[in-house]
Amino acid sequence: MDNKILNLFALAKELHLPPAWLKEQAINGKIPCLKVGRRLRFSRVAVEKALSSLASPPPQPTPLEGAGR
């Protein structure tokens, strides 16, 4: 995978995510970014790793009440 450095809109386009959501995540420290002046730059590889760690695991099935009676 190519570790490109992207601006916010290029990253949003490649990941099919809203730019506003990506910016919010970057400002809140949820995804890594580099601030160059007033602009944000992103490593696609680093952002994908961060996003995969943000993904919640699937819910575990719970036993049904009264099951096994």
N, C-alpha and C. Protein backbone atom coordinates (compact mmCIF):
# COMPACT_ATOMS: atom_id res chain seq x y z
N MET A 1 0.84 -1.18 0.00
CA MET A 1 0.00 0.00 0.00
C MET A 1 0.89 1.24 0.00
N ASP A 2 0.53 2.19 -0.77
CA ASP A 2 1.30 3.42 -0.89
C ASP A 2 0.95 4.35 0.27
N ASN A 3 1.97 4.80 1.00
CA ASN A 3 1.74 5.70 2.13
C ASN A 3 1.80 7.14 1.66
N LYS A 4 0.72 7.58 1.04
CA LYS A 4 0.66 8.94 0.52
C LYS A 4 0.29 9.92 1.63
N ILE A 5 0.76 11.16 1.48
CA ILE A 5 0.33 12.25 2.35
C ILE A 5 -0.74 13.01 1.58
N LEU A 6 -1.91 13.12 2.21
CA LEU A 6 -3.08 13.69 1.53
C LEU A 6 -3.64 14.87 2.30
N ASN A 7 -4.30 15.78 1.57
CA ASN A 7 -5.04 16.82 2.25
C ASN A 7 -6.40 16.25 2.65
N LEU A 8 -7.17 17.03 3.36
CA LEU A 8 -8.45 16.57 3.90
C LEU A 8 -9.40 16.08 2.81
N PHE A 9 -9.52 16.84 1.73
CA PHE A 9 -10.50 16.48 0.70
C PHE A 9 -10.06 15.26 -0.11
N ALA A 10 -8.77 15.13 -0.35
CA ALA A 10 -8.28 13.95 -1.06
C ALA A 10 -8.47 12.70 -0.21
N LEU A 11 -8.20 12.81 1.08
CA LEU A 11 -8.41 11.67 1.98
C LEU A 11 -9.88 11.29 2.03
N ALA A 12 -10.74 12.28 2.15
CA ALA A 12 -12.18 12.01 2.20
C ALA A 12 -12.64 11.30 0.93
N LYS A 13 -12.14 11.74 -0.20
CA LYS A 13 -12.53 11.12 -1.47
C LYS A 13 -12.04 9.67 -1.54
N GLU A 14 -10.80 9.43 -1.13
CA GLU A 14 -10.25 8.06 -1.20
C GLU A 14 -10.93 7.12 -0.23
N LEU A 15 -11.32 7.62 0.95
CA LEU A 15 -11.92 6.76 1.96
C LEU A 15 -13.45 6.75 1.91
N HIS A 16 -14.02 7.59 1.03
CA HIS A 16 -15.48 7.69 0.90
C HIS A 16 -16.12 8.08 2.23
N LEU A 17 -15.51 9.10 2.87
CA LEU A 17 -16.02 9.61 4.13
C LEU A 17 -16.20 11.12 4.03
N PRO A 18 -17.12 11.69 4.80
CA PRO A 18 -17.33 13.14 4.74
C PRO A 18 -16.12 13.91 5.29
N PRO A 19 -15.67 14.94 4.59
CA PRO A 19 -14.53 15.73 5.07
C PRO A 19 -14.77 16.31 6.47
N ALA A 20 -15.98 16.75 6.75
CA ALA A 20 -16.27 17.34 8.07
C ALA A 20 -16.07 16.32 9.18
N TRP A 21 -16.46 15.08 8.94
CA TRP A 21 -16.28 14.04 9.96
C TRP A 21 -14.80 13.75 10.17
N LEU A 22 -14.04 13.65 9.08
CA LEU A 22 -12.60 13.41 9.21
C LEU A 22 -11.92 14.55 9.96
N LYS A 23 -12.30 15.78 9.65
CA LYS A 23 -11.71 16.94 10.33
C LYS A 23 -12.02 16.90 11.82
N GLU A 24 -13.25 16.58 12.16
CA GLU A 24 -13.65 16.48 13.57
C GLU A 24 -12.83 15.41 14.30
N GLN A 25 -12.66 14.26 13.65
CA GLN A 25 -11.88 13.19 14.27
C GLN A 25 -10.42 13.60 14.46
N ALA A 26 -9.87 14.32 13.49
CA ALA A 26 -8.48 14.77 13.59
C ALA A 26 -8.33 15.80 14.71
N ILE A 27 -9.25 16.75 14.79
CA ILE A 27 -9.18 17.79 15.82
C ILE A 27 -9.32 17.18 17.22
N ASN A 28 -10.14 16.14 17.33
CA ASN A 28 -10.35 15.47 18.62
C ASN A 28 -9.28 14.44 18.93
N GLY A 29 -8.29 14.28 18.04
CA GLY A 29 -7.20 13.36 18.30
C GLY A 29 -7.51 11.90 18.05
N LYS A 30 -8.61 11.62 17.37
CA LYS A 30 -9.00 10.22 17.10
C LYS A 30 -8.25 9.64 15.90
N ILE A 31 -7.87 10.50 14.95
CA ILE A 31 -7.06 10.05 13.82
C ILE A 31 -5.84 10.97 13.73
N PRO A 32 -4.70 10.42 13.33
CA PRO A 32 -3.48 11.22 13.28
C PRO A 32 -3.48 12.18 12.09
N CYS A 33 -2.93 13.35 12.33
CA CYS A 33 -2.79 14.33 11.26
C CYS A 33 -1.57 15.20 11.55
N LEU A 34 -1.16 15.90 10.54
CA LEU A 34 -0.08 16.87 10.65
C LEU A 34 -0.67 18.22 10.30
N LYS A 35 -0.49 19.19 11.17
CA LYS A 35 -1.01 20.52 10.89
C LYS A 35 0.12 21.34 10.27
N VAL A 36 -0.10 21.79 9.05
CA VAL A 36 0.86 22.61 8.32
C VAL A 36 0.21 23.99 8.16
N GLY A 37 0.63 24.93 9.00
CA GLY A 37 -0.06 26.22 9.03
C GLY A 37 -1.47 25.99 9.52
N ARG A 38 -2.44 26.38 8.73
CA ARG A 38 -3.85 26.17 9.08
C ARG A 38 -4.42 24.92 8.42
N ARG A 39 -3.62 24.22 7.68
CA ARG A 39 -4.11 23.07 6.91
C ARG A 39 -3.72 21.74 7.56
N LEU A 40 -4.57 20.75 7.35
CA LEU A 40 -4.31 19.41 7.87
C LEU A 40 -3.81 18.51 6.75
N ARG A 41 -2.84 17.68 7.07
CA ARG A 41 -2.34 16.67 6.15
C ARG A 41 -2.40 15.32 6.85
N PHE A 42 -2.63 14.28 6.07
CA PHE A 42 -2.86 12.96 6.62
C PHE A 42 -2.04 11.91 5.90
N SER A 43 -1.56 10.93 6.66
CA SER A 43 -0.97 9.72 6.10
C SER A 43 -2.12 8.71 5.96
N ARG A 44 -2.38 8.27 4.75
CA ARG A 44 -3.50 7.35 4.54
C ARG A 44 -3.34 6.08 5.37
N VAL A 45 -2.13 5.52 5.40
CA VAL A 45 -1.88 4.29 6.15
C VAL A 45 -2.17 4.50 7.63
N ALA A 46 -1.67 5.60 8.19
CA ALA A 46 -1.88 5.88 9.62
C ALA A 46 -3.35 6.09 9.93
N VAL A 47 -4.06 6.79 9.05
CA VAL A 47 -5.48 7.04 9.28
C VAL A 47 -6.27 5.74 9.19
N GLU A 48 -5.95 4.88 8.23
CA GLU A 48 -6.67 3.61 8.12
C GLU A 48 -6.44 2.74 9.36
N LYS A 49 -5.23 2.75 9.90
CA LYS A 49 -4.96 1.99 11.13
C LYS A 49 -5.78 2.55 12.29
N ALA A 50 -5.82 3.88 12.40
CA ALA A 50 -6.57 4.51 13.48
C ALA A 50 -8.06 4.22 13.34
N LEU A 51 -8.58 4.28 12.12
CA LEU A 51 -10.00 4.02 11.91
C LEU A 51 -10.35 2.57 12.24
N SER A 52 -9.46 1.65 11.92
CA SER A 52 -9.75 0.25 12.23
C SER A 52 -9.77 0.02 13.74
N SER A 53 -8.96 0.78 14.48
CA SER A 53 -8.99 0.63 15.94
C SER A 53 -10.21 1.31 16.55
N LEU A 54 -10.80 2.28 15.84
CA LEU A 54 -12.02 2.94 16.32
C LEU A 54 -13.25 2.07 16.12
N ALA A 55 -13.19 1.17 15.17
CA ALA A 55 -14.34 0.33 14.86
C ALA A 55 -14.66 -0.54 16.07
N SER A 56 -15.91 -0.55 16.45
CA SER A 56 -16.30 -1.35 17.60
C SER A 56 -16.48 -2.80 17.17
N PRO A 57 -16.13 -3.71 18.07
CA PRO A 57 -16.31 -5.13 17.73
C PRO A 57 -17.80 -5.45 17.65
N PRO A 58 -18.15 -6.48 16.90
CA PRO A 58 -19.56 -6.84 16.80
C PRO A 58 -20.10 -7.24 18.18
N PRO A 59 -21.35 -6.95 18.45
CA PRO A 59 -21.91 -7.30 19.76
C PRO A 59 -21.93 -8.80 19.97
N GLN A 60 -21.67 -9.19 21.20
CA GLN A 60 -21.69 -10.61 21.55
C GLN A 60 -23.12 -11.03 21.83
N PRO A 61 -23.51 -12.18 21.33
CA PRO A 61 -24.87 -12.65 21.61
C PRO A 61 -25.03 -12.92 23.11
N THR A 62 -26.18 -12.57 23.63
CA THR A 62 -26.46 -12.82 25.05
C THR A 62 -27.45 -13.97 25.14
N PRO A 63 -27.30 -14.76 26.17
CA PRO A 63 -28.24 -15.88 26.32
C PRO A 63 -29.65 -15.34 26.54
N LEU A 64 -30.59 -16.01 25.95
CA LEU A 64 -32.00 -15.61 26.10
C LEU A 64 -32.46 -15.96 27.50
N GLU A 65 -33.25 -15.04 28.08
CA GLU A 65 -33.81 -15.33 29.40
C GLU A 65 -34.79 -16.50 29.29
N GLY A 66 -34.71 -17.38 30.23
CA GLY A 66 -35.60 -18.54 30.23
C GLY A 66 -35.12 -19.66 29.33
N ALA A 67 -34.00 -19.48 28.63
CA ALA A 67 -33.51 -20.53 27.76
C ALA A 67 -32.96 -21.66 28.63
N GLY A 68 -33.16 -22.85 28.22
CA GLY A 68 -32.63 -24.02 28.93
C GLY A 68 -33.53 -24.49 30.04
N ARG A 69 -34.70 -23.95 30.11
CA ARG A 69 -35.64 -24.41 31.16
C ARG A 69 -36.42 -25.59 30.67
